[in-house]
PDBML (XML) file of the C-alpha atoms, coordinates in Angstrom:
<?xml version="1.0" encoding="UTF-8" ?>
<PDBx:datablock datablockName="MODEL"
   xmlns:PDBx="http://pdbml.pdb.org/schema/pdbx-v50.xsd"
   xmlns:xsi="http://www.w3.org/2001/XMLSchema-instance"
   xsi:schemaLocation="http://pdbml.pdb.org/schema/pdbx-v50.xsd pdbx-v50.xsd">
   <PDBx:atom_siteCategory>
      <PDBx:atom_site id="1">
         <PDBx:B_iso_or_equiv>0.00</PDBx:B_iso_or_equiv>
         <PDBx:Cartn_x>7.024</PDBx:Cartn_x>
         <PDBx:Cartn_y>17.448</PDBx:Cartn_y>
         <PDBx:Cartn_z>-3.814</PDBx:Cartn_z>
         <PDBx:auth_asym_id>A</PDBx:auth_asym_id>
         <PDBx:auth_atom_id>CA</PDBx:auth_atom_id>
         <PDBx:auth_comp_id>ILE</PDBx:auth_comp_id>
         <PDBx:auth_seq_id>1</PDBx:auth_seq_id>
         <PDBx:group_PDB>ATOM</PDBx:group_PDB>
         <PDBx:label_alt_id xsi:nil="true" />
         <PDBx:label_asym_id>A</PDBx:label_asym_id>
         <PDBx:label_atom_id>CA</PDBx:label_atom_id>
         <PDBx:label_comp_id>ILE</PDBx:label_comp_id>
         <PDBx:label_entity_id>1</PDBx:label_entity_id>
         <PDBx:label_seq_id>1</PDBx:label_seq_id>
         <PDBx:occupancy>1.00</PDBx:occupancy>
         <PDBx:pdbx_PDB_model_num>1</PDBx:pdbx_PDB_model_num>
         <PDBx:type_symbol>C</PDBx:type_symbol>
      </PDBx:atom_site>
      <PDBx:atom_site id="2">
         <PDBx:B_iso_or_equiv>0.00</PDBx:B_iso_or_equiv>
         <PDBx:Cartn_x>6.988</PDBx:Cartn_x>
         <PDBx:Cartn_y>13.654</PDBx:Cartn_y>
         <PDBx:Cartn_z>-3.769</PDBx:Cartn_z>
         <PDBx:auth_asym_id>A</PDBx:auth_asym_id>
         <PDBx:auth_atom_id>CA</PDBx:auth_atom_id>
         <PDBx:auth_comp_id>GLY</PDBx:auth_comp_id>
         <PDBx:auth_seq_id>2</PDBx:auth_seq_id>
         <PDBx:group_PDB>ATOM</PDBx:group_PDB>
         <PDBx:label_alt_id xsi:nil="true" />
         <PDBx:label_asym_id>A</PDBx:label_asym_id>
         <PDBx:label_atom_id>CA</PDBx:label_atom_id>
         <PDBx:label_comp_id>GLY</PDBx:label_comp_id>
         <PDBx:label_entity_id>1</PDBx:label_entity_id>
         <PDBx:label_seq_id>2</PDBx:label_seq_id>
         <PDBx:occupancy>1.00</PDBx:occupancy>
         <PDBx:pdbx_PDB_model_num>1</PDBx:pdbx_PDB_model_num>
         <PDBx:type_symbol>C</PDBx:type_symbol>
      </PDBx:atom_site>
      <PDBx:atom_site id="3">
         <PDBx:B_iso_or_equiv>0.00</PDBx:B_iso_or_equiv>
         <PDBx:Cartn_x>5.349</PDBx:Cartn_x>
         <PDBx:Cartn_y>10.370</PDBx:Cartn_y>
         <PDBx:Cartn_z>-4.761</PDBx:Cartn_z>
         <PDBx:auth_asym_id>A</PDBx:auth_asym_id>
         <PDBx:auth_atom_id>CA</PDBx:auth_atom_id>
         <PDBx:auth_comp_id>ARG</PDBx:auth_comp_id>
         <PDBx:auth_seq_id>3</PDBx:auth_seq_id>
         <PDBx:group_PDB>ATOM</PDBx:group_PDB>
         <PDBx:label_alt_id xsi:nil="true" />
         <PDBx:label_asym_id>A</PDBx:label_asym_id>
         <PDBx:label_atom_id>CA</PDBx:label_atom_id>
         <PDBx:label_comp_id>ARG</PDBx:label_comp_id>
         <PDBx:label_entity_id>1</PDBx:label_entity_id>
         <PDBx:label_seq_id>3</PDBx:label_seq_id>
         <PDBx:occupancy>1.00</PDBx:occupancy>
         <PDBx:pdbx_PDB_model_num>1</PDBx:pdbx_PDB_model_num>
         <PDBx:type_symbol>C</PDBx:type_symbol>
      </PDBx:atom_site>
      <PDBx:atom_site id="4">
         <PDBx:B_iso_or_equiv>0.00</PDBx:B_iso_or_equiv>
         <PDBx:Cartn_x>3.254</PDBx:Cartn_x>
         <PDBx:Cartn_y>7.683</PDBx:Cartn_y>
         <PDBx:Cartn_z>-3.109</PDBx:Cartn_z>
         <PDBx:auth_asym_id>A</PDBx:auth_asym_id>
         <PDBx:auth_atom_id>CA</PDBx:auth_atom_id>
         <PDBx:auth_comp_id>VAL</PDBx:auth_comp_id>
         <PDBx:auth_seq_id>4</PDBx:auth_seq_id>
         <PDBx:group_PDB>ATOM</PDBx:group_PDB>
         <PDBx:label_alt_id xsi:nil="true" />
         <PDBx:label_asym_id>A</PDBx:label_asym_id>
         <PDBx:label_atom_id>CA</PDBx:label_atom_id>
         <PDBx:label_comp_id>VAL</PDBx:label_comp_id>
         <PDBx:label_entity_id>1</PDBx:label_entity_id>
         <PDBx:label_seq_id>4</PDBx:label_seq_id>
         <PDBx:occupancy>1.00</PDBx:occupancy>
         <PDBx:pdbx_PDB_model_num>1</PDBx:pdbx_PDB_model_num>
         <PDBx:type_symbol>C</PDBx:type_symbol>
      </PDBx:atom_site>
      <PDBx:atom_site id="5">
         <PDBx:B_iso_or_equiv>0.00</PDBx:B_iso_or_equiv>
         <PDBx:Cartn_x>5.094</PDBx:Cartn_x>
         <PDBx:Cartn_y>4.419</PDBx:Cartn_y>
         <PDBx:Cartn_z>-2.402</PDBx:Cartn_z>
         <PDBx:auth_asym_id>A</PDBx:auth_asym_id>
         <PDBx:auth_atom_id>CA</PDBx:auth_atom_id>
         <PDBx:auth_comp_id>THR</PDBx:auth_comp_id>
         <PDBx:auth_seq_id>5</PDBx:auth_seq_id>
         <PDBx:group_PDB>ATOM</PDBx:group_PDB>
         <PDBx:label_alt_id xsi:nil="true" />
         <PDBx:label_asym_id>A</PDBx:label_asym_id>
         <PDBx:label_atom_id>CA</PDBx:label_atom_id>
         <PDBx:label_comp_id>THR</PDBx:label_comp_id>
         <PDBx:label_entity_id>1</PDBx:label_entity_id>
         <PDBx:label_seq_id>5</PDBx:label_seq_id>
         <PDBx:occupancy>1.00</PDBx:occupancy>
         <PDBx:pdbx_PDB_model_num>1</PDBx:pdbx_PDB_model_num>
         <PDBx:type_symbol>C</PDBx:type_symbol>
      </PDBx:atom_site>
      <PDBx:atom_site id="6">
         <PDBx:B_iso_or_equiv>0.00</PDBx:B_iso_or_equiv>
         <PDBx:Cartn_x>2.158</PDBx:Cartn_x>
         <PDBx:Cartn_y>2.358</PDBx:Cartn_y>
         <PDBx:Cartn_z>-1.060</PDBx:Cartn_z>
         <PDBx:auth_asym_id>A</PDBx:auth_asym_id>
         <PDBx:auth_atom_id>CA</PDBx:auth_atom_id>
         <PDBx:auth_comp_id>SER</PDBx:auth_comp_id>
         <PDBx:auth_seq_id>6</PDBx:auth_seq_id>
         <PDBx:group_PDB>ATOM</PDBx:group_PDB>
         <PDBx:label_alt_id xsi:nil="true" />
         <PDBx:label_asym_id>A</PDBx:label_asym_id>
         <PDBx:label_atom_id>CA</PDBx:label_atom_id>
         <PDBx:label_comp_id>SER</PDBx:label_comp_id>
         <PDBx:label_entity_id>1</PDBx:label_entity_id>
         <PDBx:label_seq_id>6</PDBx:label_seq_id>
         <PDBx:occupancy>1.00</PDBx:occupancy>
         <PDBx:pdbx_PDB_model_num>1</PDBx:pdbx_PDB_model_num>
         <PDBx:type_symbol>C</PDBx:type_symbol>
      </PDBx:atom_site>
      <PDBx:atom_site id="7">
         <PDBx:B_iso_or_equiv>0.00</PDBx:B_iso_or_equiv>
         <PDBx:Cartn_x>-1.533</PDBx:Cartn_x>
         <PDBx:Cartn_y>3.146</PDBx:Cartn_y>
         <PDBx:Cartn_z>-0.765</PDBx:Cartn_z>
         <PDBx:auth_asym_id>A</PDBx:auth_asym_id>
         <PDBx:auth_atom_id>CA</PDBx:auth_atom_id>
         <PDBx:auth_comp_id>GLY</PDBx:auth_comp_id>
         <PDBx:auth_seq_id>7</PDBx:auth_seq_id>
         <PDBx:group_PDB>ATOM</PDBx:group_PDB>
         <PDBx:label_alt_id xsi:nil="true" />
         <PDBx:label_asym_id>A</PDBx:label_asym_id>
         <PDBx:label_atom_id>CA</PDBx:label_atom_id>
         <PDBx:label_comp_id>GLY</PDBx:label_comp_id>
         <PDBx:label_entity_id>1</PDBx:label_entity_id>
         <PDBx:label_seq_id>7</PDBx:label_seq_id>
         <PDBx:occupancy>1.00</PDBx:occupancy>
         <PDBx:pdbx_PDB_model_num>1</PDBx:pdbx_PDB_model_num>
         <PDBx:type_symbol>C</PDBx:type_symbol>
      </PDBx:atom_site>
      <PDBx:atom_site id="8">
         <PDBx:B_iso_or_equiv>0.00</PDBx:B_iso_or_equiv>
         <PDBx:Cartn_x>-4.819</PDBx:Cartn_x>
         <PDBx:Cartn_y>1.375</PDBx:Cartn_y>
         <PDBx:Cartn_z>-0.129</PDBx:Cartn_z>
         <PDBx:auth_asym_id>A</PDBx:auth_asym_id>
         <PDBx:auth_atom_id>CA</PDBx:auth_atom_id>
         <PDBx:auth_comp_id>SER</PDBx:auth_comp_id>
         <PDBx:auth_seq_id>8</PDBx:auth_seq_id>
         <PDBx:group_PDB>ATOM</PDBx:group_PDB>
         <PDBx:label_alt_id xsi:nil="true" />
         <PDBx:label_asym_id>A</PDBx:label_asym_id>
         <PDBx:label_atom_id>CA</PDBx:label_atom_id>
         <PDBx:label_comp_id>SER</PDBx:label_comp_id>
         <PDBx:label_entity_id>1</PDBx:label_entity_id>
         <PDBx:label_seq_id>8</PDBx:label_seq_id>
         <PDBx:occupancy>1.00</PDBx:occupancy>
         <PDBx:pdbx_PDB_model_num>1</PDBx:pdbx_PDB_model_num>
         <PDBx:type_symbol>C</PDBx:type_symbol>
      </PDBx:atom_site>
      <PDBx:atom_site id="9">
         <PDBx:B_iso_or_equiv>0.00</PDBx:B_iso_or_equiv>
         <PDBx:Cartn_x>-8.157</PDBx:Cartn_x>
         <PDBx:Cartn_y>1.383</PDBx:Cartn_y>
         <PDBx:Cartn_z>1.572</PDBx:Cartn_z>
         <PDBx:auth_asym_id>A</PDBx:auth_asym_id>
         <PDBx:auth_atom_id>CA</PDBx:auth_atom_id>
         <PDBx:auth_comp_id>TYR</PDBx:auth_comp_id>
         <PDBx:auth_seq_id>9</PDBx:auth_seq_id>
         <PDBx:group_PDB>ATOM</PDBx:group_PDB>
         <PDBx:label_alt_id xsi:nil="true" />
         <PDBx:label_asym_id>A</PDBx:label_asym_id>
         <PDBx:label_atom_id>CA</PDBx:label_atom_id>
         <PDBx:label_comp_id>TYR</PDBx:label_comp_id>
         <PDBx:label_entity_id>1</PDBx:label_entity_id>
         <PDBx:label_seq_id>9</PDBx:label_seq_id>
         <PDBx:occupancy>1.00</PDBx:occupancy>
         <PDBx:pdbx_PDB_model_num>1</PDBx:pdbx_PDB_model_num>
         <PDBx:type_symbol>C</PDBx:type_symbol>
      </PDBx:atom_site>
      <PDBx:atom_site id="10">
         <PDBx:B_iso_or_equiv>0.00</PDBx:B_iso_or_equiv>
         <PDBx:Cartn_x>-7.433</PDBx:Cartn_x>
         <PDBx:Cartn_y>0.377</PDBx:Cartn_y>
         <PDBx:Cartn_z>5.180</PDBx:Cartn_z>
         <PDBx:auth_asym_id>A</PDBx:auth_asym_id>
         <PDBx:auth_atom_id>CA</PDBx:auth_atom_id>
         <PDBx:auth_comp_id>ALA</PDBx:auth_comp_id>
         <PDBx:auth_seq_id>10</PDBx:auth_seq_id>
         <PDBx:group_PDB>ATOM</PDBx:group_PDB>
         <PDBx:label_alt_id xsi:nil="true" />
         <PDBx:label_asym_id>A</PDBx:label_asym_id>
         <PDBx:label_atom_id>CA</PDBx:label_atom_id>
         <PDBx:label_comp_id>ALA</PDBx:label_comp_id>
         <PDBx:label_entity_id>1</PDBx:label_entity_id>
         <PDBx:label_seq_id>10</PDBx:label_seq_id>
         <PDBx:occupancy>1.00</PDBx:occupancy>
         <PDBx:pdbx_PDB_model_num>1</PDBx:pdbx_PDB_model_num>
         <PDBx:type_symbol>C</PDBx:type_symbol>
      </PDBx:atom_site>
      <PDBx:atom_site id="11">
         <PDBx:B_iso_or_equiv>0.00</PDBx:B_iso_or_equiv>
         <PDBx:Cartn_x>-10.054</PDBx:Cartn_x>
         <PDBx:Cartn_y>-2.260</PDBx:Cartn_y>
         <PDBx:Cartn_z>6.071</PDBx:Cartn_z>
         <PDBx:auth_asym_id>A</PDBx:auth_asym_id>
         <PDBx:auth_atom_id>CA</PDBx:auth_atom_id>
         <PDBx:auth_comp_id>PRO</PDBx:auth_comp_id>
         <PDBx:auth_seq_id>11</PDBx:auth_seq_id>
         <PDBx:group_PDB>ATOM</PDBx:group_PDB>
         <PDBx:label_alt_id xsi:nil="true" />
         <PDBx:label_asym_id>A</PDBx:label_asym_id>
         <PDBx:label_atom_id>CA</PDBx:label_atom_id>
         <PDBx:label_comp_id>PRO</PDBx:label_comp_id>
         <PDBx:label_entity_id>1</PDBx:label_entity_id>
         <PDBx:label_seq_id>11</PDBx:label_seq_id>
         <PDBx:occupancy>1.00</PDBx:occupancy>
         <PDBx:pdbx_PDB_model_num>1</PDBx:pdbx_PDB_model_num>
         <PDBx:type_symbol>C</PDBx:type_symbol>
      </PDBx:atom_site>
      <PDBx:atom_site id="12">
         <PDBx:B_iso_or_equiv>0.00</PDBx:B_iso_or_equiv>
         <PDBx:Cartn_x>-9.846</PDBx:Cartn_x>
         <PDBx:Cartn_y>-1.967</PDBx:Cartn_y>
         <PDBx:Cartn_z>9.867</PDBx:Cartn_z>
         <PDBx:auth_asym_id>A</PDBx:auth_asym_id>
         <PDBx:auth_atom_id>CA</PDBx:auth_atom_id>
         <PDBx:auth_comp_id>PHE</PDBx:auth_comp_id>
         <PDBx:auth_seq_id>12</PDBx:auth_seq_id>
         <PDBx:group_PDB>ATOM</PDBx:group_PDB>
         <PDBx:label_alt_id xsi:nil="true" />
         <PDBx:label_asym_id>A</PDBx:label_asym_id>
         <PDBx:label_atom_id>CA</PDBx:label_atom_id>
         <PDBx:label_comp_id>PHE</PDBx:label_comp_id>
         <PDBx:label_entity_id>1</PDBx:label_entity_id>
         <PDBx:label_seq_id>12</PDBx:label_seq_id>
         <PDBx:occupancy>1.00</PDBx:occupancy>
         <PDBx:pdbx_PDB_model_num>1</PDBx:pdbx_PDB_model_num>
         <PDBx:type_symbol>C</PDBx:type_symbol>
      </PDBx:atom_site>
      <PDBx:atom_site id="13">
         <PDBx:B_iso_or_equiv>0.00</PDBx:B_iso_or_equiv>
         <PDBx:Cartn_x>-9.368</PDBx:Cartn_x>
         <PDBx:Cartn_y>1.803</PDBx:Cartn_y>
         <PDBx:Cartn_z>10.050</PDBx:Cartn_z>
         <PDBx:auth_asym_id>A</PDBx:auth_asym_id>
         <PDBx:auth_atom_id>CA</PDBx:auth_atom_id>
         <PDBx:auth_comp_id>LEU</PDBx:auth_comp_id>
         <PDBx:auth_seq_id>13</PDBx:auth_seq_id>
         <PDBx:group_PDB>ATOM</PDBx:group_PDB>
         <PDBx:label_alt_id xsi:nil="true" />
         <PDBx:label_asym_id>A</PDBx:label_asym_id>
         <PDBx:label_atom_id>CA</PDBx:label_atom_id>
         <PDBx:label_comp_id>LEU</PDBx:label_comp_id>
         <PDBx:label_entity_id>1</PDBx:label_entity_id>
         <PDBx:label_seq_id>13</PDBx:label_seq_id>
         <PDBx:occupancy>1.00</PDBx:occupancy>
         <PDBx:pdbx_PDB_model_num>1</PDBx:pdbx_PDB_model_num>
         <PDBx:type_symbol>C</PDBx:type_symbol>
      </PDBx:atom_site>
      <PDBx:atom_site id="14">
         <PDBx:B_iso_or_equiv>0.00</PDBx:B_iso_or_equiv>
         <PDBx:Cartn_x>-11.927</PDBx:Cartn_x>
         <PDBx:Cartn_y>2.309</PDBx:Cartn_y>
         <PDBx:Cartn_z>7.261</PDBx:Cartn_z>
         <PDBx:auth_asym_id>A</PDBx:auth_asym_id>
         <PDBx:auth_atom_id>CA</PDBx:auth_atom_id>
         <PDBx:auth_comp_id>GLU</PDBx:auth_comp_id>
         <PDBx:auth_seq_id>14</PDBx:auth_seq_id>
         <PDBx:group_PDB>ATOM</PDBx:group_PDB>
         <PDBx:label_alt_id xsi:nil="true" />
         <PDBx:label_asym_id>A</PDBx:label_asym_id>
         <PDBx:label_atom_id>CA</PDBx:label_atom_id>
         <PDBx:label_comp_id>GLU</PDBx:label_comp_id>
         <PDBx:label_entity_id>1</PDBx:label_entity_id>
         <PDBx:label_seq_id>14</PDBx:label_seq_id>
         <PDBx:occupancy>1.00</PDBx:occupancy>
         <PDBx:pdbx_PDB_model_num>1</PDBx:pdbx_PDB_model_num>
         <PDBx:type_symbol>C</PDBx:type_symbol>
      </PDBx:atom_site>
      <PDBx:atom_site id="15">
         <PDBx:B_iso_or_equiv>0.00</PDBx:B_iso_or_equiv>
         <PDBx:Cartn_x>-9.854</PDBx:Cartn_x>
         <PDBx:Cartn_y>5.097</PDBx:Cartn_y>
         <PDBx:Cartn_z>5.711</PDBx:Cartn_z>
         <PDBx:auth_asym_id>A</PDBx:auth_asym_id>
         <PDBx:auth_atom_id>CA</PDBx:auth_atom_id>
         <PDBx:auth_comp_id>LYS</PDBx:auth_comp_id>
         <PDBx:auth_seq_id>15</PDBx:auth_seq_id>
         <PDBx:group_PDB>ATOM</PDBx:group_PDB>
         <PDBx:label_alt_id xsi:nil="true" />
         <PDBx:label_asym_id>A</PDBx:label_asym_id>
         <PDBx:label_atom_id>CA</PDBx:label_atom_id>
         <PDBx:label_comp_id>LYS</PDBx:label_comp_id>
         <PDBx:label_entity_id>1</PDBx:label_entity_id>
         <PDBx:label_seq_id>15</PDBx:label_seq_id>
         <PDBx:occupancy>1.00</PDBx:occupancy>
         <PDBx:pdbx_PDB_model_num>1</PDBx:pdbx_PDB_model_num>
         <PDBx:type_symbol>C</PDBx:type_symbol>
      </PDBx:atom_site>
      <PDBx:atom_site id="16">
         <PDBx:B_iso_or_equiv>0.00</PDBx:B_iso_or_equiv>
         <PDBx:Cartn_x>-7.827</PDBx:Cartn_x>
         <PDBx:Cartn_y>5.603</PDBx:Cartn_y>
         <PDBx:Cartn_z>2.549</PDBx:Cartn_z>
         <PDBx:auth_asym_id>A</PDBx:auth_asym_id>
         <PDBx:auth_atom_id>CA</PDBx:auth_atom_id>
         <PDBx:auth_comp_id>ASN</PDBx:auth_comp_id>
         <PDBx:auth_seq_id>16</PDBx:auth_seq_id>
         <PDBx:group_PDB>ATOM</PDBx:group_PDB>
         <PDBx:label_alt_id xsi:nil="true" />
         <PDBx:label_asym_id>A</PDBx:label_asym_id>
         <PDBx:label_atom_id>CA</PDBx:label_atom_id>
         <PDBx:label_comp_id>ASN</PDBx:label_comp_id>
         <PDBx:label_entity_id>1</PDBx:label_entity_id>
         <PDBx:label_seq_id>16</PDBx:label_seq_id>
         <PDBx:occupancy>1.00</PDBx:occupancy>
         <PDBx:pdbx_PDB_model_num>1</PDBx:pdbx_PDB_model_num>
         <PDBx:type_symbol>C</PDBx:type_symbol>
      </PDBx:atom_site>
      <PDBx:atom_site id="17">
         <PDBx:B_iso_or_equiv>0.00</PDBx:B_iso_or_equiv>
         <PDBx:Cartn_x>-4.158</PDBx:Cartn_x>
         <PDBx:Cartn_y>5.815</PDBx:Cartn_y>
         <PDBx:Cartn_z>3.522</PDBx:Cartn_z>
         <PDBx:auth_asym_id>A</PDBx:auth_asym_id>
         <PDBx:auth_atom_id>CA</PDBx:auth_atom_id>
         <PDBx:auth_comp_id>ILE</PDBx:auth_comp_id>
         <PDBx:auth_seq_id>17</PDBx:auth_seq_id>
         <PDBx:group_PDB>ATOM</PDBx:group_PDB>
         <PDBx:label_alt_id xsi:nil="true" />
         <PDBx:label_asym_id>A</PDBx:label_asym_id>
         <PDBx:label_atom_id>CA</PDBx:label_atom_id>
         <PDBx:label_comp_id>ILE</PDBx:label_comp_id>
         <PDBx:label_entity_id>1</PDBx:label_entity_id>
         <PDBx:label_seq_id>17</PDBx:label_seq_id>
         <PDBx:occupancy>1.00</PDBx:occupancy>
         <PDBx:pdbx_PDB_model_num>1</PDBx:pdbx_PDB_model_num>
         <PDBx:type_symbol>C</PDBx:type_symbol>
      </PDBx:atom_site>
      <PDBx:atom_site id="18">
         <PDBx:B_iso_or_equiv>0.00</PDBx:B_iso_or_equiv>
         <PDBx:Cartn_x>-0.722</PDBx:Cartn_x>
         <PDBx:Cartn_y>5.896</PDBx:Cartn_y>
         <PDBx:Cartn_z>1.918</PDBx:Cartn_z>
         <PDBx:auth_asym_id>A</PDBx:auth_asym_id>
         <PDBx:auth_atom_id>CA</PDBx:auth_atom_id>
         <PDBx:auth_comp_id>ALA</PDBx:auth_comp_id>
         <PDBx:auth_seq_id>18</PDBx:auth_seq_id>
         <PDBx:group_PDB>ATOM</PDBx:group_PDB>
         <PDBx:label_alt_id xsi:nil="true" />
         <PDBx:label_asym_id>A</PDBx:label_asym_id>
         <PDBx:label_atom_id>CA</PDBx:label_atom_id>
         <PDBx:label_comp_id>ALA</PDBx:label_comp_id>
         <PDBx:label_entity_id>1</PDBx:label_entity_id>
         <PDBx:label_seq_id>18</PDBx:label_seq_id>
         <PDBx:occupancy>1.00</PDBx:occupancy>
         <PDBx:pdbx_PDB_model_num>1</PDBx:pdbx_PDB_model_num>
         <PDBx:type_symbol>C</PDBx:type_symbol>
      </PDBx:atom_site>
      <PDBx:atom_site id="19">
         <PDBx:B_iso_or_equiv>0.00</PDBx:B_iso_or_equiv>
         <PDBx:Cartn_x>2.982</PDBx:Cartn_x>
         <PDBx:Cartn_y>6.190</PDBx:Cartn_y>
         <PDBx:Cartn_z>2.523</PDBx:Cartn_z>
         <PDBx:auth_asym_id>A</PDBx:auth_asym_id>
         <PDBx:auth_atom_id>CA</PDBx:auth_atom_id>
         <PDBx:auth_comp_id>MET</PDBx:auth_comp_id>
         <PDBx:auth_seq_id>19</PDBx:auth_seq_id>
         <PDBx:group_PDB>ATOM</PDBx:group_PDB>
         <PDBx:label_alt_id xsi:nil="true" />
         <PDBx:label_asym_id>A</PDBx:label_asym_id>
         <PDBx:label_atom_id>CA</PDBx:label_atom_id>
         <PDBx:label_comp_id>MET</PDBx:label_comp_id>
         <PDBx:label_entity_id>1</PDBx:label_entity_id>
         <PDBx:label_seq_id>19</PDBx:label_seq_id>
         <PDBx:occupancy>1.00</PDBx:occupancy>
         <PDBx:pdbx_PDB_model_num>1</PDBx:pdbx_PDB_model_num>
         <PDBx:type_symbol>C</PDBx:type_symbol>
      </PDBx:atom_site>
      <PDBx:atom_site id="20">
         <PDBx:B_iso_or_equiv>0.00</PDBx:B_iso_or_equiv>
         <PDBx:Cartn_x>4.938</PDBx:Cartn_x>
         <PDBx:Cartn_y>8.639</PDBx:Cartn_y>
         <PDBx:Cartn_z>0.400</PDBx:Cartn_z>
         <PDBx:auth_asym_id>A</PDBx:auth_asym_id>
         <PDBx:auth_atom_id>CA</PDBx:auth_atom_id>
         <PDBx:auth_comp_id>ALA</PDBx:auth_comp_id>
         <PDBx:auth_seq_id>20</PDBx:auth_seq_id>
         <PDBx:group_PDB>ATOM</PDBx:group_PDB>
         <PDBx:label_alt_id xsi:nil="true" />
         <PDBx:label_asym_id>A</PDBx:label_asym_id>
         <PDBx:label_atom_id>CA</PDBx:label_atom_id>
         <PDBx:label_comp_id>ALA</PDBx:label_comp_id>
         <PDBx:label_entity_id>1</PDBx:label_entity_id>
         <PDBx:label_seq_id>20</PDBx:label_seq_id>
         <PDBx:occupancy>1.00</PDBx:occupancy>
         <PDBx:pdbx_PDB_model_num>1</PDBx:pdbx_PDB_model_num>
         <PDBx:type_symbol>C</PDBx:type_symbol>
      </PDBx:atom_site>
      <PDBx:atom_site id="21">
         <PDBx:B_iso_or_equiv>0.00</PDBx:B_iso_or_equiv>
         <PDBx:Cartn_x>8.370</PDBx:Cartn_x>
         <PDBx:Cartn_y>10.186</PDBx:Cartn_y>
         <PDBx:Cartn_z>0.053</PDBx:Cartn_z>
         <PDBx:auth_asym_id>A</PDBx:auth_asym_id>
         <PDBx:auth_atom_id>CA</PDBx:auth_atom_id>
         <PDBx:auth_comp_id>TYR</PDBx:auth_comp_id>
         <PDBx:auth_seq_id>21</PDBx:auth_seq_id>
         <PDBx:group_PDB>ATOM</PDBx:group_PDB>
         <PDBx:label_alt_id xsi:nil="true" />
         <PDBx:label_asym_id>A</PDBx:label_asym_id>
         <PDBx:label_atom_id>CA</PDBx:label_atom_id>
         <PDBx:label_comp_id>TYR</PDBx:label_comp_id>
         <PDBx:label_entity_id>1</PDBx:label_entity_id>
         <PDBx:label_seq_id>21</PDBx:label_seq_id>
         <PDBx:occupancy>1.00</PDBx:occupancy>
         <PDBx:pdbx_PDB_model_num>1</PDBx:pdbx_PDB_model_num>
         <PDBx:type_symbol>C</PDBx:type_symbol>
      </PDBx:atom_site>
      <PDBx:atom_site id="22">
         <PDBx:B_iso_or_equiv>0.00</PDBx:B_iso_or_equiv>
         <PDBx:Cartn_x>8.308</PDBx:Cartn_x>
         <PDBx:Cartn_y>13.972</PDBx:Cartn_y>
         <PDBx:Cartn_z>0.100</PDBx:Cartn_z>
         <PDBx:auth_asym_id>A</PDBx:auth_asym_id>
         <PDBx:auth_atom_id>CA</PDBx:auth_atom_id>
         <PDBx:auth_comp_id>VAL</PDBx:auth_comp_id>
         <PDBx:auth_seq_id>22</PDBx:auth_seq_id>
         <PDBx:group_PDB>ATOM</PDBx:group_PDB>
         <PDBx:label_alt_id xsi:nil="true" />
         <PDBx:label_asym_id>A</PDBx:label_asym_id>
         <PDBx:label_atom_id>CA</PDBx:label_atom_id>
         <PDBx:label_comp_id>VAL</PDBx:label_comp_id>
         <PDBx:label_entity_id>1</PDBx:label_entity_id>
         <PDBx:label_seq_id>22</PDBx:label_seq_id>
         <PDBx:occupancy>1.00</PDBx:occupancy>
         <PDBx:pdbx_PDB_model_num>1</PDBx:pdbx_PDB_model_num>
         <PDBx:type_symbol>C</PDBx:type_symbol>
      </PDBx:atom_site>
      <PDBx:atom_site id="23">
         <PDBx:B_iso_or_equiv>0.00</PDBx:B_iso_or_equiv>
         <PDBx:Cartn_x>10.699</PDBx:Cartn_x>
         <PDBx:Cartn_y>16.893</PDBx:Cartn_y>
         <PDBx:Cartn_z>0.388</PDBx:Cartn_z>
         <PDBx:auth_asym_id>A</PDBx:auth_asym_id>
         <PDBx:auth_atom_id>CA</PDBx:auth_atom_id>
         <PDBx:auth_comp_id>THR</PDBx:auth_comp_id>
         <PDBx:auth_seq_id>23</PDBx:auth_seq_id>
         <PDBx:group_PDB>ATOM</PDBx:group_PDB>
         <PDBx:label_alt_id xsi:nil="true" />
         <PDBx:label_asym_id>A</PDBx:label_asym_id>
         <PDBx:label_atom_id>CA</PDBx:label_atom_id>
         <PDBx:label_comp_id>THR</PDBx:label_comp_id>
         <PDBx:label_entity_id>1</PDBx:label_entity_id>
         <PDBx:label_seq_id>23</PDBx:label_seq_id>
         <PDBx:occupancy>1.00</PDBx:occupancy>
         <PDBx:pdbx_PDB_model_num>1</PDBx:pdbx_PDB_model_num>
         <PDBx:type_symbol>C</PDBx:type_symbol>
      </PDBx:atom_site>
      <PDBx:atom_site id="24">
         <PDBx:B_iso_or_equiv>0.00</PDBx:B_iso_or_equiv>
         <PDBx:Cartn_x>11.726</PDBx:Cartn_x>
         <PDBx:Cartn_y>17.096</PDBx:Cartn_y>
         <PDBx:Cartn_z>4.090</PDBx:Cartn_z>
         <PDBx:auth_asym_id>A</PDBx:auth_asym_id>
         <PDBx:auth_atom_id>CA</PDBx:auth_atom_id>
         <PDBx:auth_comp_id>PRO</PDBx:auth_comp_id>
         <PDBx:auth_seq_id>24</PDBx:auth_seq_id>
         <PDBx:group_PDB>ATOM</PDBx:group_PDB>
         <PDBx:label_alt_id xsi:nil="true" />
         <PDBx:label_asym_id>A</PDBx:label_asym_id>
         <PDBx:label_atom_id>CA</PDBx:label_atom_id>
         <PDBx:label_comp_id>PRO</PDBx:label_comp_id>
         <PDBx:label_entity_id>1</PDBx:label_entity_id>
         <PDBx:label_seq_id>24</PDBx:label_seq_id>
         <PDBx:occupancy>1.00</PDBx:occupancy>
         <PDBx:pdbx_PDB_model_num>1</PDBx:pdbx_PDB_model_num>
         <PDBx:type_symbol>C</PDBx:type_symbol>
      </PDBx:atom_site>
   </PDBx:atom_siteCategory>
</PDBx:datablock>
């Protein structure tokens, strides 16, 4: 239903996060 556009380990939040476009 979509694809990741940016993703990384978040050093301050200490989580793995991403932005992605998906079906609304």
